[in-house]
């Protein structure tokens, strides 16, 4: 059954409702100044403490150095760290050494076939790969879909579990899963009611359709 990650959660109510509706992973964008869904580490820590055990909290970061990533992770206690940006392999190695029980996801922006090579580069250093649409600054989080045929190729090529992100919503998630066959799907803007607030009916539909 496809796993579901609800990302960009900014408050306890949304987190607990997403968990109740069947989310497997809940993502928190911690201290990301350019994101409308950014929250302070203290907020993330307090929400994570209240999540049920069967839900994996994810610390999403665009930091590129291991030291501040490790510092925040030790404070908020996520089960997964999701790395965006072009972080060096040696920095990932430092995170792994400092936090051996914490899983690591590397986000790969998908614009063309070069994403296949990029995903393979990180595969043996991380636990999950996340495929997102390449944004203006190569950051992902665009709320737009990309060429799913490339993502499908990556899923076939890699041995590690792959999450699909980028423009997913309750209306296209079934088609996305059918096309790509990912381990999991990741949604943020596709289940929002307004800025920083989730729509529980959209979450319910998304999860129901993803897990068919």
C-alpha atoms as a PDB file:
ATOM      1  CA  UNK A   1       0.000   0.000   0.000  1.00  0.00           C
ATOM      2  CA  UNK A   2       1.314   3.443  -0.963  1.00  0.00           C
ATOM      3  CA  UNK A   3       2.550   5.541   1.958  1.00  0.00           C
ATOM      4  CA  UNK A   4       1.310   9.116   2.333  1.00  0.00           C
ATOM      5  CA  UNK A   5       3.240  12.136   3.560  1.00  0.00           C
ATOM      6  CA  UNK A   6       1.344  15.312   4.397  1.00  0.00           C
ATOM      7  CA  UNK A   7       3.900  18.111   4.264  1.00  0.00           C
ATOM      8  CA  UNK A   8       4.058  21.741   5.289  1.00  0.00           C
ATOM      9  CA  UNK A   9       2.047  21.227   8.476  1.00  0.00           C
ATOM     10  CA  UNK A  10       2.166  24.359  10.626  1.00  0.00           C
ATOM     11  CA  UNK A  11       0.009  23.586  13.663  1.00  0.00           C
ATOM     12  CA  UNK A  12      -0.930  20.818  16.074  1.00  0.00           C
ATOM     13  CA  UNK A  13      -4.576  20.591  14.988  1.00  0.00           C
ATOM     14  CA  UNK A  14      -3.648  19.900  11.354  1.00  0.00           C
ATOM     15  CA  UNK A  15      -0.954  17.416  12.395  1.00  0.00           C
ATOM     16  CA  UNK A  16      -3.271  15.394  14.634  1.00  0.00           C
ATOM     17  CA  UNK A  17      -6.076  15.415  12.075  1.00  0.00           C
ATOM     18  CA  UNK A  18      -3.724  14.281   9.301  1.00  0.00           C
ATOM     19  CA  UNK A  19      -2.560  11.454  11.581  1.00  0.00           C
ATOM     20  CA  UNK A  20      -6.150  10.497  12.392  1.00  0.00           C
ATOM     21  CA  UNK A  21      -7.016  10.425   8.681  1.00  0.00           C
ATOM     22  CA  UNK A  22      -4.218   7.941   7.992  1.00  0.00           C
ATOM     23  CA  UNK A  23      -1.066   9.895   7.106  1.00  0.00           C
ATOM     24  CA  UNK A  24       2.104   7.795   7.496  1.00  0.00           C
ATOM     25  CA  UNK A  25       4.547  10.724   7.473  1.00  0.00           C
ATOM     26  CA  UNK A  26       3.977  14.360   8.487  1.00  0.00           C
ATOM     27  CA  UNK A  27       6.446  16.986   7.289  1.00  0.00           C
ATOM     28  CA  UNK A  28       7.474  20.184   9.070  1.00  0.00           C
ATOM     29  CA  UNK A  29       9.332  22.967   7.245  1.00  0.00           C
ATOM     30  CA  UNK A  30      11.512  24.174  10.097  1.00  0.00           C
ATOM     31  CA  UNK A  31      12.948  27.706   9.918  1.00  0.00           C
ATOM     32  CA  UNK A  32      12.818  28.017   6.117  1.00  0.00           C
ATOM     33  CA  UNK A  33      12.593  31.772   5.609  1.00  0.00           C
ATOM     34  CA  UNK A  34      11.258  31.715   2.032  1.00  0.00           C
ATOM     35  CA  UNK A  35       8.373  29.302   2.749  1.00  0.00           C
ATOM     36  CA  UNK A  36       4.909  30.387   3.876  1.00  0.00           C
ATOM     37  CA  UNK A  37       4.724  27.090   5.801  1.00  0.00           C
ATOM     38  CA  UNK A  38       7.846  27.654   7.884  1.00  0.00           C
ATOM     39  CA  UNK A  39       7.611  27.042  11.626  1.00  0.00           C
ATOM     40  CA  UNK A  40      10.038  27.586  14.496  1.00  0.00           C
ATOM     41  CA  UNK A  41      11.900  24.598  15.910  1.00  0.00           C
ATOM     42  CA  UNK A  42      10.121  24.969  19.253  1.00  0.00           C
ATOM     43  CA  UNK A  43       6.748  24.667  17.500  1.00  0.00           C
ATOM     44  CA  UNK A  44       7.878  21.592  15.573  1.00  0.00           C
ATOM     45  CA  UNK A  45       9.227  19.992  18.750  1.00  0.00           C
ATOM     46  CA  UNK A  46       5.920  20.474  20.592  1.00  0.00           C
ATOM     47  CA  UNK A  47       3.820  19.078  17.732  1.00  0.00           C
ATOM     48  CA  UNK A  48       6.115  16.089  17.167  1.00  0.00           C
ATOM     49  CA  UNK A  49       5.835  15.157  20.855  1.00  0.00           C
ATOM     50  CA  UNK A  50       2.070  14.805  20.467  1.00  0.00           C
ATOM     51  CA  UNK A  51       2.009  12.692  17.309  1.00  0.00           C
ATOM     52  CA  UNK A  52       0.914   9.050  17.573  1.00  0.00           C
ATOM     53  CA  UNK A  53       3.748   6.511  17.432  1.00  0.00           C
ATOM     54  CA  UNK A  54       2.669   5.058  14.085  1.00  0.00           C
ATOM     55  CA  UNK A  55       3.238   8.414  12.332  1.00  0.00           C
ATOM     56  CA  UNK A  56       6.773   9.405  11.288  1.00  0.00           C
ATOM     57  CA  UNK A  57       7.586  13.112  11.778  1.00  0.00           C
ATOM     58  CA  UNK A  58       9.800  14.570   9.037  1.00  0.00           C
ATOM     59  CA  UNK A  59      12.115  17.574   9.488  1.00  0.00           C
ATOM     60  CA  UNK A  60      12.309  19.310   6.094  1.00  0.00           C
ATOM     61  CA  UNK A  61      15.350  21.553   5.624  1.00  0.00           C
ATOM     62  CA  UNK A  62      17.196  23.502   2.936  1.00  0.00           C
ATOM     63  CA  UNK A  63      20.329  23.871   5.066  1.00  0.00           C
ATOM     64  CA  UNK A  64      23.487  22.592   3.392  1.00  0.00           C
ATOM     65  CA  UNK A  65      25.760  22.007   6.379  1.00  0.00           C
ATOM     66  CA  UNK A  66      25.493  19.068   8.754  1.00  0.00           C
ATOM     67  CA  UNK A  67      26.101  20.967  11.987  1.00  0.00           C
ATOM     68  CA  UNK A  68      22.947  23.148  12.086  1.00  0.00           C
ATOM     69  CA  UNK A  69      20.835  20.277  10.711  1.00  0.00           C
ATOM     70  CA  UNK A  70      22.053  17.985  13.515  1.00  0.00           C
ATOM     71  CA  UNK A  71      21.463  20.727  16.105  1.00  0.00           C
ATOM     72  CA  UNK A  72      17.813  21.214  15.058  1.00  0.00           C
ATOM     73  CA  UNK A  73      17.181  17.469  14.720  1.00  0.00           C
ATOM     74  CA  UNK A  74      18.480  16.808  18.241  1.00  0.00           C
ATOM     75  CA  UNK A  75      16.126  19.483  19.516  1.00  0.00           C
ATOM     76  CA  UNK A  76      12.927  18.464  17.697  1.00  0.00           C
ATOM     77  CA  UNK A  77      13.454  14.668  17.490  1.00  0.00           C
ATOM     78  CA  UNK A  78      12.173  13.738  13.996  1.00  0.00           C
ATOM     79  CA  UNK A  79      12.244  10.185  12.652  1.00  0.00           C
ATOM     80  CA  UNK A  80      13.260  11.437   9.194  1.00  0.00           C
ATOM     81  CA  UNK A  81      15.338  14.373   7.930  1.00  0.00           C
ATOM     82  CA  UNK A  82      14.428  15.518   4.413  1.00  0.00           C
ATOM     83  CA  UNK A  83      17.278  17.307   2.655  1.00  0.00           C
ATOM     84  CA  UNK A  84      16.694  19.760  -0.170  1.00  0.00           C
ATOM     85  CA  UNK A  85      19.332  21.834  -1.953  1.00  0.00           C
ATOM     86  CA  UNK A  86      22.681  20.615  -3.219  1.00  0.00           C
ATOM     87  CA  UNK A  87      24.124  19.173  -0.031  1.00  0.00           C
ATOM     88  CA  UNK A  88      27.512  17.436  -0.274  1.00  0.00           C
ATOM     89  CA  UNK A  89      27.770  13.710   0.382  1.00  0.00           C
ATOM     90  CA  UNK A  90      30.288  14.280   3.178  1.00  0.00           C
ATOM     91  CA  UNK A  91      27.720  16.450   5.007  1.00  0.00           C
ATOM     92  CA  UNK A  92      25.146  13.648   4.710  1.00  0.00           C
ATOM     93  CA  UNK A  93      27.791  11.312   6.139  1.00  0.00           C
ATOM     94  CA  UNK A  94      28.219  13.600   9.160  1.00  0.00           C
ATOM     95  CA  UNK A  95      24.457  13.612   9.781  1.00  0.00           C
ATOM     96  CA  UNK A  96      24.355   9.826   9.530  1.00  0.00           C
ATOM     97  CA  UNK A  97      27.230   9.476  12.014  1.00  0.00           C
ATOM     98  CA  UNK A  98      25.703  11.901  14.534  1.00  0.00           C
ATOM     99  CA  UNK A  99      22.132  10.580  14.207  1.00  0.00           C
ATOM    100  CA  UNK A 100      22.387   6.880  13.288  1.00  0.00           C
ATOM    101  CA  UNK A 101      18.748   6.114  14.160  1.00  0.00           C
ATOM    102  CA  UNK A 102      17.314   8.965  12.077  1.00  0.00           C
ATOM    103  CA  UNK A 103      16.397   8.186   8.479  1.00  0.00           C
ATOM    104  CA  UNK A 104      17.417  10.529   5.682  1.00  0.00           C
ATOM    105  CA  UNK A 105      15.485  11.539   2.562  1.00  0.00           C
ATOM    106  CA  UNK A 106      17.147  13.388  -0.329  1.00  0.00           C
ATOM    107  CA  UNK A 107      14.955  15.484  -2.576  1.00  0.00           C
ATOM    108  CA  UNK A 108      15.793  15.340  -6.297  1.00  0.00           C
ATOM    109  CA  UNK A 109      14.342  18.047  -8.579  1.00  0.00           C
ATOM    110  CA  UNK A 110      13.015  16.456 -11.786  1.00  0.00           C
ATOM    111  CA  UNK A 111      13.359  18.634 -14.896  1.00  0.00           C
ATOM    112  CA  UNK A 112      14.784  16.153 -17.392  1.00  0.00           C
ATOM    113  CA  UNK A 113      16.536  12.775 -17.620  1.00  0.00           C
ATOM    114  CA  UNK A 114      19.576  14.079 -15.701  1.00  0.00           C
ATOM    115  CA  UNK A 115      17.450  13.495 -12.576  1.00  0.00           C
ATOM    116  CA  UNK A 116      18.001   9.732 -13.012  1.00  0.00           C
ATOM    117  CA  UNK A 117      21.760  10.158 -12.603  1.00  0.00           C
ATOM    118  CA  UNK A 118      21.301  12.584  -9.725  1.00  0.00           C
ATOM    119  CA  UNK A 119      19.039  10.164  -7.846  1.00  0.00           C
ATOM    120  CA  UNK A 120      21.536   7.338  -8.338  1.00  0.00           C
ATOM    121  CA  UNK A 121      24.321   9.546  -6.963  1.00  0.00           C
ATOM    122  CA  UNK A 122      22.567   9.896  -3.601  1.00  0.00           C
ATOM    123  CA  UNK A 123      20.904   6.485  -3.425  1.00  0.00           C
ATOM    124  CA  UNK A 124      23.445   4.622  -1.315  1.00  0.00           C
ATOM    125  CA  UNK A 125      23.847   7.499   1.163  1.00  0.00           C
ATOM    126  CA  UNK A 126      20.182   7.931   2.106  1.00  0.00           C
ATOM    127  CA  UNK A 127      17.122   5.879   3.105  1.00  0.00           C
ATOM    128  CA  UNK A 128      14.608   7.498   0.747  1.00  0.00           C
ATOM    129  CA  UNK A 129      14.633   9.546  -2.454  1.00  0.00           C
ATOM    130  CA  UNK A 130      11.937  12.183  -3.001  1.00  0.00           C
ATOM    131  CA  UNK A 131      11.184  13.343  -6.547  1.00  0.00           C
ATOM    132  CA  UNK A 132       9.859  16.889  -6.807  1.00  0.00           C
ATOM    133  CA  UNK A 133       9.208  19.391  -9.576  1.00  0.00           C
ATOM    134  CA  UNK A 134      12.159  21.681 -10.222  1.00  0.00           C
ATOM    135  CA  UNK A 135      11.271  25.243  -9.232  1.00  0.00           C
ATOM    136  CA  UNK A 136      12.738  28.603 -10.215  1.00  0.00           C
ATOM    137  CA  UNK A 137      15.625  28.143  -7.795  1.00  0.00           C
ATOM    138  CA  UNK A 138      15.815  24.348  -8.111  1.00  0.00           C
ATOM    139  CA  UNK A 139      14.145  24.077  -4.742  1.00  0.00           C
ATOM    140  CA  UNK A 140      10.941  22.105  -5.353  1.00  0.00           C
ATOM    141  CA  UNK A 141       7.791  22.968  -3.414  1.00  0.00           C
ATOM    142  CA  UNK A 142       6.291  24.489  -6.566  1.00  0.00           C
ATOM    143  CA  UNK A 143       2.861  22.857  -6.367  1.00  0.00           C
ATOM    144  CA  UNK A 144       3.315  21.840 -10.023  1.00  0.00           C
ATOM    145  CA  UNK A 145       3.616  18.388 -11.564  1.00  0.00           C
ATOM    146  CA  UNK A 146       6.578  17.224 -13.648  1.00  0.00           C
ATOM    147  CA  UNK A 147       7.171  14.521 -16.272  1.00  0.00           C
ATOM    148  CA  UNK A 148       6.053  11.400 -14.417  1.00  0.00           C
ATOM    149  CA  UNK A 149       7.654   9.143 -17.038  1.00  0.00           C
ATOM    150  CA  UNK A 150      11.074  10.265 -15.732  1.00  0.00           C
ATOM    151  CA  UNK A 151       9.981   9.588 -12.150  1.00  0.00           C
ATOM    152  CA  UNK A 152       8.744   6.161 -13.219  1.00  0.00           C
ATOM    153  CA  UNK A 153      12.154   5.424 -14.718  1.00  0.00           C
ATOM    154  CA  UNK A 154      13.875   6.474 -11.476  1.00  0.00           C
ATOM    155  CA  UNK A 155      11.606   4.194  -9.419  1.00  0.00           C
ATOM    156  CA  UNK A 156      12.557   1.268 -11.682  1.00  0.00           C
ATOM    157  CA  UNK A 157      16.287   2.087 -11.553  1.00  0.00           C
ATOM    158  CA  UNK A 158      16.635   2.541  -7.778  1.00  0.00           C
ATOM    159  CA  UNK A 159      16.591  -0.037  -5.018  1.00  0.00           C
ATOM    160  CA  UNK A 160      15.723   2.529  -2.334  1.00  0.00           C
ATOM    161  CA  UNK A 161      12.098   3.603  -1.660  1.00  0.00           C
ATOM    162  CA  UNK A 162      11.001   6.638  -3.679  1.00  0.00           C
ATOM    163  CA  UNK A 163       8.447   9.317  -2.762  1.00  0.00           C
ATOM    164  CA  UNK A 164       6.685  11.272  -5.512  1.00  0.00           C
ATOM    165  CA  UNK A 165       5.927  14.954  -4.879  1.00  0.00           C
ATOM    166  CA  UNK A 166       5.078  17.992  -6.968  1.00  0.00           C
ATOM    167  CA  UNK A 167       1.575  19.200  -7.752  1.00  0.00           C
ATOM    168  CA  UNK A 168      -0.231  16.191  -6.329  1.00  0.00           C
ATOM    169  CA  UNK A 169      -3.835  16.538  -5.173  1.00  0.00           C
ATOM    170  CA  UNK A 170      -6.895  14.317  -4.589  1.00  0.00           C
ATOM    171  CA  UNK A 171      -7.801  14.513  -8.301  1.00  0.00           C
ATOM    172  CA  UNK A 172      -4.497  13.284  -9.768  1.00  0.00           C
ATOM    173  CA  UNK A 173      -2.962  11.092  -7.054  1.00  0.00           C
ATOM    174  CA  UNK A 174      -4.426   7.837  -8.393  1.00  0.00           C
ATOM    175  CA  UNK A 175      -3.078   8.506 -11.882  1.00  0.00           C
ATOM    176  CA  UNK A 176       0.306   9.516 -10.425  1.00  0.00           C
ATOM    177  CA  UNK A 177       0.599   6.260  -8.465  1.00  0.00           C
ATOM    178  CA  UNK A 178      -0.510   4.199 -11.452  1.00  0.00           C
ATOM    179  CA  UNK A 179       2.090   5.900 -13.673  1.00  0.00           C
ATOM    180  CA  UNK A 180       5.061   6.052 -11.292  1.00  0.00           C
ATOM    181  CA  UNK A 181       4.447   3.236  -8.780  1.00  0.00           C
ATOM    182  CA  UNK A 182       6.248   5.067  -5.949  1.00  0.00           C
ATOM    183  CA  UNK A 183       6.756   3.836  -2.386  1.00  0.00           C
ATOM    184  CA  UNK A 184       4.971   6.961  -1.193  1.00  0.00           C
ATOM    185  CA  UNK A 185       3.327  10.215  -2.266  1.00  0.00           C
ATOM    186  CA  UNK A 186       3.928  13.639  -0.747  1.00  0.00           C
ATOM    187  CA  UNK A 187       1.442  16.524  -0.755  1.00  0.00           C
ATOM    188  CA  UNK A 188       1.366  20.052   0.628  1.00  0.00           C
ATOM    189  CA  UNK A 189      -0.484  22.723  -1.378  1.00  0.00           C
ATOM    190  CA  UNK A 190      -2.824  20.123  -2.912  1.00  0.00           C
ATOM    191  CA  UNK A 191      -4.539  19.661   0.476  1.00  0.00           C
ATOM    192  CA  UNK A 192      -4.592  23.263   1.707  1.00  0.00           C
ATOM    193  CA  UNK A 193      -7.708  25.317   2.392  1.00  0.00           C
ATOM    194  CA  UNK A 194      -5.702  28.560   2.629  1.00  0.00           C
ATOM    195  CA  UNK A 195      -2.171  29.676   3.511  1.00  0.00           C
ATOM    196  CA  UNK A 196      -0.724  27.565   6.364  1.00  0.00           C
ATOM    197  CA  UNK A 197      -4.017  25.680   6.910  1.00  0.00           C
ATOM    198  CA  UNK A 198      -4.970  22.202   5.685  1.00  0.00           C
ATOM    199  CA  UNK A 199      -8.328  21.086   4.298  1.00  0.00           C
ATOM    200  CA  UNK A 200      -9.337  17.872   6.082  1.00  0.00           C
ATOM    201  CA  UNK A 201     -11.734  16.734   3.385  1.00  0.00           C
ATOM    202  CA  UNK A 202      -8.952  17.054   0.788  1.00  0.00           C
ATOM    203  CA  UNK A 203      -6.591  15.125   3.077  1.00  0.00           C
ATOM    204  CA  UNK A 204      -9.211  12.419   3.568  1.00  0.00           C
ATOM    205  CA  UNK A 205      -9.794  12.070  -0.177  1.00  0.00           C
ATOM    206  CA  UNK A 206      -6.074  12.161  -0.975  1.00  0.00           C
ATOM    207  CA  UNK A 207      -5.243   9.402   1.507  1.00  0.00           C
ATOM    208  CA  UNK A 208      -8.267   7.294   0.554  1.00  0.00           C
ATOM    209  CA  UNK A 209      -7.375   7.443  -3.139  1.00  0.00           C
ATOM    210  CA  UNK A 210      -3.647   6.947  -2.574  1.00  0.00           C
ATOM    211  CA  UNK A 211      -4.230   3.820  -0.513  1.00  0.00           C
ATOM    212  CA  UNK A 212      -6.823   2.182  -2.801  1.00  0.00           C
END
